[in-house]
């Protein structure tokens, strides 16, 4: 029997790279154009959940194979904190601080500091909310693992998805109920949005953990079929306001098919076995991490300002989506290779090496 700790899932690594490109596409769609937003909602929204599922899957592997579970978990969390410290605190936070100070110039220093602490450490700045949610979801899963409380994990997954559906899909309707009204205000007051440990981290990471623990697999054809069906359903969800015009859609929407997309996409990735070496698979994995961590800075803080200042291009129009996508991806790769080649232990933090 193959040792799980030595197995390389080349399919998951390759699909991570594809998912990273999807996330760049998501952020380059900076328009309200109906069809551009259709692409964003239908074909990119399941990418980050897929990363959570993959993280949960490999967390279970690591815990099962570690001789010292506690030491492994501490190193796991330490690694997340280091990456967060470098990317979110050192590199990205100056942009966030400048933006918040500029936009809240009339506020007191204490209030601005409190807002920044919430934005950076509680929510997570920009795309690095993923690391905050990952850190705390791993704590919850480790608690369930060490105490053999799978029922609590299942409860966390179910409750998390219920919270997400209530907050994202039916906030308008449910806000009329006192309990939900206060609940939604609480979520907004703490996190602002659904991208947090409770609604994304625990549910999706928990699914990955359980898929591994239960040895759950489906044939590639079935996984692909589920992915296609869920993608079609996602397109239908997006189109419902046009199919059935109603005031209901002003504050509510149906947005659940992406959950099935993320699971099916992972199951498909799990089955794939590309003819590449372990070293190449690791490089692809690192590139996907670097693209995720760096693309927002390159897009929002470098490319868009340059295009806005030195060109007359309508940089937020649909025709600019593909050019900006290519530019950001090429820039990410161009920065990645020198870091990879230098192979310095400190620089390797940037590529999750």
Protein backbone atom coordinates (compact mmCIF):
# COMPACT_ATOMS: atom_id res chain seq x y z
CA UNK A 1 0.00 0.00 0.00
CA UNK A 2 1.29 3.47 -0.88
CA UNK A 3 2.27 5.71 1.98
CA UNK A 4 -0.07 8.70 1.87
CA UNK A 5 2.66 11.03 3.03
CA UNK A 6 4.76 10.21 -0.06
CA UNK A 7 1.96 10.35 -2.60
CA UNK A 8 1.93 13.34 -4.93
CA UNK A 9 -1.47 14.40 -6.23
CA UNK A 10 -0.39 15.91 -9.52
CA UNK A 11 -4.00 16.45 -10.55
CA UNK A 12 -4.72 18.59 -7.49
CA UNK A 13 -1.56 20.64 -8.09
CA UNK A 14 -2.43 21.28 -11.74
CA UNK A 15 -6.04 22.11 -10.87
CA UNK A 16 -4.75 24.52 -8.20
CA UNK A 17 -2.93 26.42 -10.92
CA UNK A 18 -6.08 26.55 -13.04
CA UNK A 19 -8.05 27.73 -10.01
CA UNK A 20 -5.47 30.45 -9.33
CA UNK A 21 -5.92 31.74 -12.88
CA UNK A 22 -9.71 31.66 -12.35
CA UNK A 23 -9.26 33.87 -9.28
CA UNK A 24 -7.22 36.36 -11.29
CA UNK A 25 -10.01 36.35 -13.88
CA UNK A 26 -12.54 36.99 -11.11
CA UNK A 27 -10.68 40.11 -10.02
CA UNK A 28 -10.01 41.43 -13.53
CA UNK A 29 -13.76 41.51 -14.16
CA UNK A 30 -14.30 45.00 -12.77
CA UNK A 31 -17.49 45.83 -14.62
CA UNK A 32 -21.23 45.48 -14.19
CA UNK A 33 -21.65 44.13 -17.71
CA UNK A 34 -24.20 41.32 -17.52
CA UNK A 35 -22.23 38.75 -19.51
CA UNK A 36 -18.89 39.56 -17.90
CA UNK A 37 -20.47 39.13 -14.47
CA UNK A 38 -22.03 35.87 -15.69
CA UNK A 39 -18.54 34.54 -16.36
CA UNK A 40 -17.38 35.76 -12.95
CA UNK A 41 -20.27 34.27 -11.00
CA UNK A 42 -20.51 30.97 -12.88
CA UNK A 43 -16.91 30.08 -13.72
CA UNK A 44 -14.73 31.55 -10.98
CA UNK A 45 -16.58 31.59 -7.68
CA UNK A 46 -15.82 27.96 -6.81
CA UNK A 47 -12.04 28.41 -7.09
CA UNK A 48 -11.36 29.62 -3.52
CA UNK A 49 -13.68 26.97 -1.99
CA UNK A 50 -11.66 24.41 -3.95
CA UNK A 51 -8.48 25.67 -2.25
CA UNK A 52 -10.15 25.22 1.15
CA UNK A 53 -11.23 21.68 0.25
CA UNK A 54 -7.70 20.81 -0.86
CA UNK A 55 -6.28 22.27 2.37
CA UNK A 56 -8.65 20.18 4.49
CA UNK A 57 -7.80 17.08 2.47
CA UNK A 58 -4.05 17.49 3.05
CA UNK A 59 -4.48 18.52 6.67
CA UNK A 60 -6.01 15.12 7.35
CA UNK A 61 -3.10 13.47 5.50
CA UNK A 62 -0.58 15.36 7.56
CA UNK A 63 -2.24 14.62 10.88
CA UNK A 64 -2.59 10.93 10.09
CA UNK A 65 1.04 10.56 9.01
CA UNK A 66 2.61 12.70 11.75
CA UNK A 67 4.19 10.86 14.65
CA UNK A 68 3.66 13.95 16.81
CA UNK A 69 0.24 15.38 15.94
CA UNK A 70 0.60 18.45 18.12
CA UNK A 71 3.99 19.38 16.69
CA UNK A 72 2.74 18.93 13.14
CA UNK A 73 -0.28 21.14 13.81
CA UNK A 74 1.84 23.86 15.42
CA UNK A 75 4.12 23.90 12.37
CA UNK A 76 1.08 23.98 10.09
CA UNK A 77 -0.35 27.02 11.86
CA UNK A 78 3.06 28.68 12.15
CA UNK A 79 3.50 28.38 8.39
CA UNK A 80 0.15 30.11 7.81
CA UNK A 81 1.10 32.90 10.22
CA UNK A 82 4.47 33.42 8.53
CA UNK A 83 2.90 33.66 5.08
CA UNK A 84 0.22 35.98 6.44
CA UNK A 85 2.83 38.12 8.16
CA UNK A 86 4.90 38.54 5.00
CA UNK A 87 2.15 38.95 2.40
CA UNK A 88 -0.71 40.50 4.36
CA UNK A 89 1.13 42.54 7.00
CA UNK A 90 4.47 43.55 5.48
CA UNK A 91 3.67 43.73 1.76
CA UNK A 92 -0.04 44.49 1.45
CA UNK A 93 -0.99 46.33 4.64
CA UNK A 94 0.75 49.61 3.66
CA UNK A 95 -1.68 49.88 0.73
CA UNK A 96 -4.61 49.17 3.04
CA UNK A 97 -3.43 51.67 5.65
CA UNK A 98 -2.97 54.41 3.07
CA UNK A 99 -6.42 53.72 1.58
CA UNK A 100 -8.22 53.74 4.94
CA UNK A 101 -6.46 56.87 6.18
CA UNK A 102 -7.28 58.64 2.91
CA UNK A 103 -10.93 57.56 2.94
CA UNK A 104 -11.43 58.31 6.65
CA UNK A 105 -9.49 61.56 6.95
CA UNK A 106 -12.15 63.12 9.18
CA UNK A 107 -12.16 60.31 11.72
CA UNK A 108 -10.16 60.15 14.95
CA UNK A 109 -6.84 58.32 15.08
CA UNK A 110 -8.25 55.78 17.54
CA UNK A 111 -11.18 54.94 15.24
CA UNK A 112 -8.93 54.57 12.22
CA UNK A 113 -6.61 52.25 14.19
CA UNK A 114 -9.60 50.17 15.34
CA UNK A 115 -10.89 49.96 11.75
CA UNK A 116 -7.47 48.88 10.51
CA UNK A 117 -7.10 46.22 13.20
CA UNK A 118 -10.49 44.80 12.22
CA UNK A 119 -9.67 44.94 8.51
CA UNK A 120 -6.19 43.45 8.73
CA UNK A 121 -6.32 41.02 11.65
CA UNK A 122 -9.98 40.01 11.98
CA UNK A 123 -11.24 40.03 8.39
CA UNK A 124 -7.93 39.77 6.57
CA UNK A 125 -6.85 42.39 4.02
CA UNK A 126 -7.73 41.70 0.38
CA UNK A 127 -7.30 38.07 -0.69
CA UNK A 128 -5.52 37.24 2.55
CA UNK A 129 -8.86 36.73 4.29
CA UNK A 130 -8.28 33.20 3.02
CA UNK A 131 -5.30 32.76 5.36
CA UNK A 132 -7.23 34.07 8.37
CA UNK A 133 -10.13 31.71 7.66
CA UNK A 134 -7.72 28.84 6.98
CA UNK A 135 -5.90 29.37 10.28
CA UNK A 136 -9.03 29.31 12.46
CA UNK A 137 -10.75 26.55 10.47
CA UNK A 138 -7.68 24.38 11.02
CA UNK A 139 -7.95 25.04 14.77
CA UNK A 140 -11.56 23.83 14.74
CA UNK A 141 -10.75 20.75 12.67
CA UNK A 142 -7.76 19.89 14.88
CA UNK A 143 -10.02 20.12 17.93
CA UNK A 144 -12.45 17.67 16.30
CA UNK A 145 -9.60 15.38 15.22
CA UNK A 146 -7.87 15.13 18.60
CA UNK A 147 -11.13 14.51 20.43
CA UNK A 148 -12.58 12.24 17.78
CA UNK A 149 -15.64 14.47 17.48
CA UNK A 150 -16.64 13.95 13.88
CA UNK A 151 -20.23 14.83 14.74
CA UNK A 152 -19.12 18.30 15.84
CA UNK A 153 -17.29 18.74 12.53
CA UNK A 154 -20.39 17.72 10.61
CA UNK A 155 -22.36 20.19 12.69
CA UNK A 156 -19.86 22.95 11.89
CA UNK A 157 -20.13 22.21 8.17
CA UNK A 158 -23.93 22.17 8.15
CA UNK A 159 -24.25 25.27 10.34
CA UNK A 160 -21.64 27.07 8.27
CA UNK A 161 -23.47 26.43 5.01
CA UNK A 162 -26.79 27.39 6.59
CA UNK A 163 -25.26 30.66 7.80
CA UNK A 164 -23.82 31.30 4.35
CA UNK A 165 -27.08 30.62 2.52
CA UNK A 166 -29.06 32.76 4.95
CA UNK A 167 -26.59 35.66 4.76
CA UNK A 168 -25.88 35.57 1.03
CA UNK A 169 -29.14 34.36 -0.47
CA UNK A 170 -32.01 35.47 1.77
CA UNK A 171 -30.73 38.42 3.78
CA UNK A 172 -33.50 40.66 2.48
CA UNK A 173 -36.34 38.32 3.41
CA UNK A 174 -34.90 37.03 6.67
CA UNK A 175 -33.96 40.49 7.94
CA UNK A 176 -37.65 40.93 8.71
CA UNK A 177 -37.21 38.34 11.47
CA UNK A 178 -35.67 39.87 14.60
CA UNK A 179 -33.24 37.02 15.27
CA UNK A 180 -31.83 37.07 11.73
CA UNK A 181 -31.74 40.84 11.68
CA UNK A 182 -29.40 40.89 14.68
CA UNK A 183 -27.48 37.91 13.34
CA UNK A 184 -26.81 39.64 10.01
CA UNK A 185 -25.80 42.85 11.76
CA UNK A 186 -23.38 40.85 13.90
CA UNK A 187 -21.80 39.15 10.89
CA UNK A 188 -21.52 42.46 9.07
CA UNK A 189 -20.09 44.17 12.13
CA UNK A 190 -17.36 41.56 12.55
CA UNK A 191 -16.57 40.38 9.02
CA UNK A 192 -18.53 42.63 6.60
CA UNK A 193 -19.06 39.70 4.24
CA UNK A 194 -19.49 35.96 4.00
CA UNK A 195 -15.81 35.27 3.32
CA UNK A 196 -14.84 34.15 6.81
CA UNK A 197 -13.97 31.11 8.88
CA UNK A 198 -17.58 30.17 9.67
CA UNK A 199 -19.13 30.39 6.20
CA UNK A 200 -16.16 29.34 4.05
CA UNK A 201 -13.27 28.05 6.15
CA UNK A 202 -14.94 25.40 8.30
CA UNK A 203 -17.51 24.13 5.74
CA UNK A 204 -15.17 23.72 2.78
CA UNK A 205 -12.05 22.72 4.69
CA UNK A 206 -14.18 20.29 6.67
CA UNK A 207 -15.46 18.72 3.44
CA UNK A 208 -11.90 18.16 2.23
CA UNK A 209 -10.94 16.62 5.56
CA UNK A 210 -13.91 14.24 5.50
CA UNK A 211 -13.41 13.30 1.84
CA UNK A 212 -9.96 12.07 2.78
CA UNK A 213 -10.99 10.42 6.03
CA UNK A 214 -13.85 8.54 4.36
CA UNK A 215 -11.70 7.69 1.32
CA UNK A 216 -14.50 9.18 -0.75
CA UNK A 217 -13.91 9.04 -4.48
CA UNK A 218 -16.04 9.02 -7.60
CA UNK A 219 -15.12 8.20 -11.15
CA UNK A 220 -13.82 11.06 -13.26
CA UNK A 221 -16.78 10.86 -15.62
CA UNK A 222 -19.22 11.22 -12.74
CA UNK A 223 -17.25 14.08 -11.18
CA UNK A 224 -17.16 15.85 -14.55
CA UNK A 225 -20.88 15.31 -15.03
CA UNK A 226 -21.61 16.77 -11.58
CA UNK A 227 -19.36 19.72 -12.36
CA UNK A 228 -21.16 20.39 -15.64
CA UNK A 229 -24.62 20.07 -14.06
CA UNK A 230 -23.69 22.37 -11.17
CA UNK A 231 -22.18 24.88 -13.61
CA UNK A 232 -25.42 24.90 -15.59
CA UNK A 233 -27.37 25.36 -12.36
CA UNK A 234 -25.06 28.21 -11.41
CA UNK A 235 -25.84 29.91 -14.74
CA UNK A 236 -29.56 29.40 -14.08
CA UNK A 237 -29.16 30.90 -10.59
CA UNK A 238 -27.49 33.96 -12.07
CA UNK A 239 -30.21 34.30 -14.72
CA UNK A 240 -33.20 33.99 -12.37
CA UNK A 241 -33.72 37.76 -11.99
CA UNK A 242 -34.08 38.03 -15.78
CA UNK A 243 -36.21 34.91 -16.10
CA UNK A 244 -38.52 35.89 -13.22
CA UNK A 245 -38.32 39.68 -12.73
CA UNK A 246 -39.30 40.60 -9.18
CA UNK A 247 -38.46 43.02 -6.38
CA UNK A 248 -37.36 39.89 -4.48
CA UNK A 249 -34.01 39.99 -6.29
CA UNK A 250 -33.19 43.48 -5.08
CA UNK A 251 -31.96 42.15 -1.73
CA UNK A 252 -31.94 38.38 -2.27
CA UNK A 253 -30.41 35.91 -4.67
CA UNK A 254 -29.94 32.17 -5.18
CA UNK A 255 -26.28 31.23 -4.96
CA UNK A 256 -25.60 27.64 -3.88
CA UNK A 257 -24.54 25.67 -6.96
CA UNK A 258 -20.93 26.80 -6.53
CA UNK A 259 -20.71 24.45 -3.55
CA UNK A 260 -21.34 21.46 -5.81
CA UNK A 261 -18.96 22.92 -8.40
CA UNK A 262 -16.13 23.17 -5.85
CA UNK A 263 -16.62 19.61 -4.59
CA UNK A 264 -16.90 18.13 -8.09
CA UNK A 265 -13.87 20.11 -9.28
CA UNK A 266 -11.84 18.71 -6.37
CA UNK A 267 -13.02 15.14 -6.96
CA UNK A 268 -12.04 15.48 -10.61
CA UNK A 269 -8.63 16.85 -9.63
CA UNK A 270 -8.13 14.05 -7.12
CA UNK A 271 -8.61 11.44 -9.85
CA UNK A 272 -6.27 13.03 -12.37
CA UNK A 273 -2.69 11.80 -12.53
CA UNK A 274 -0.60 13.89 -14.89
CA UNK A 275 2.69 12.58 -16.21
CA UNK A 276 4.91 15.05 -14.40
CA UNK A 277 7.59 14.62 -11.78
CA UNK A 278 7.20 15.33 -8.08
CA UNK A 279 9.50 18.33 -8.50
CA UNK A 280 7.42 19.73 -11.36
CA UNK A 281 4.21 19.17 -9.42
CA UNK A 282 5.67 21.06 -6.45
CA UNK A 283 6.69 23.94 -8.72
CA UNK A 284 3.17 24.14 -10.14
CA UNK A 285 1.78 24.15 -6.59
CA UNK A 286 4.11 26.98 -5.58
CA UNK A 287 3.26 28.97 -8.70
CA UNK A 288 -0.45 28.72 -7.94
CA UNK A 289 0.19 30.03 -4.40
CA UNK A 290 2.32 32.90 -5.69
CA UNK A 291 -0.29 33.89 -8.26
CA UNK A 292 -2.96 33.95 -5.56
CA UNK A 293 -0.87 35.95 -3.11
CA UNK A 294 0.57 38.49 -5.58
CA UNK A 295 -2.07 39.11 -8.24
CA UNK A 296 -4.22 41.60 -6.32
CA UNK A 297 -1.25 43.88 -5.66
CA UNK A 298 -0.15 43.66 -9.28
CA UNK A 299 -3.67 44.33 -10.57
CA UNK A 300 -5.18 46.88 -8.17
CA UNK A 301 -2.11 48.68 -6.87
CA UNK A 302 0.20 48.65 -9.90
CA UNK A 303 -1.46 47.85 -13.24
CA UNK A 304 -4.74 49.75 -12.85
CA UNK A 305 -3.06 52.94 -11.54
CA UNK A 306 -0.49 52.84 -14.37
CA UNK A 307 -3.15 52.30 -17.05
CA UNK A 308 -5.34 55.00 -15.53
CA UNK A 309 -2.54 57.56 -15.38
CA UNK A 310 -0.64 56.95 -18.60
CA UNK A 311 -3.30 55.72 -21.04
CA UNK A 312 -6.72 56.77 -22.25
CA UNK A 313 -8.01 53.20 -22.09
CA UNK A 314 -11.34 52.43 -20.46
CA UNK A 315 -9.66 50.07 -18.06
CA UNK A 316 -12.87 48.77 -16.45
CA UNK A 317 -14.65 47.90 -19.69
CA UNK A 318 -15.23 44.24 -20.66
CA UNK A 319 -12.72 44.47 -23.53
CA UNK A 320 -9.94 45.06 -20.98
CA UNK A 321 -10.60 41.89 -18.99
CA UNK A 322 -8.52 39.53 -21.12
CA UNK A 323 -5.55 41.91 -21.66
CA UNK A 324 -5.31 42.62 -17.94
CA UNK A 325 -5.62 38.91 -17.15
CA UNK A 326 -2.69 38.11 -19.45
CA UNK A 327 -0.56 40.97 -18.14
CA UNK A 328 -1.08 39.96 -14.51
CA UNK A 329 -0.41 36.27 -15.15
CA UNK A 330 2.75 37.04 -17.14
CA UNK A 331 3.91 39.41 -14.38
CA UNK A 332 3.29 36.74 -11.74
CA UNK A 333 5.26 34.13 -13.66
CA UNK A 334 8.08 36.60 -14.38
CA UNK A 335 8.43 37.32 -10.67
CA UNK A 336 8.02 33.70 -9.63
CA UNK A 337 10.86 32.17 -11.63
CA UNK A 338 13.71 34.32 -10.23
CA UNK A 339 12.48 33.65 -6.69
CA UNK A 340 12.28 29.94 -7.43
CA UNK A 341 15.73 29.92 -9.02
CA UNK A 342 17.42 31.86 -6.18
CA UNK A 343 16.00 29.32 -3.71
CA UNK A 344 16.56 31.46 -0.64
CA UNK A 345 14.75 30.25 2.49
CA UNK A 346 13.38 33.73 3.19
CA UNK A 347 12.31 34.47 -0.37
CA UNK A 348 10.73 31.03 -0.57
CA UNK A 349 8.11 32.23 1.90
CA UNK A 350 6.69 34.27 -0.99
CA UNK A 351 5.98 31.10 -2.96
CA UNK A 352 4.92 28.97 0.00
CA UNK A 353 8.11 26.99 -0.55
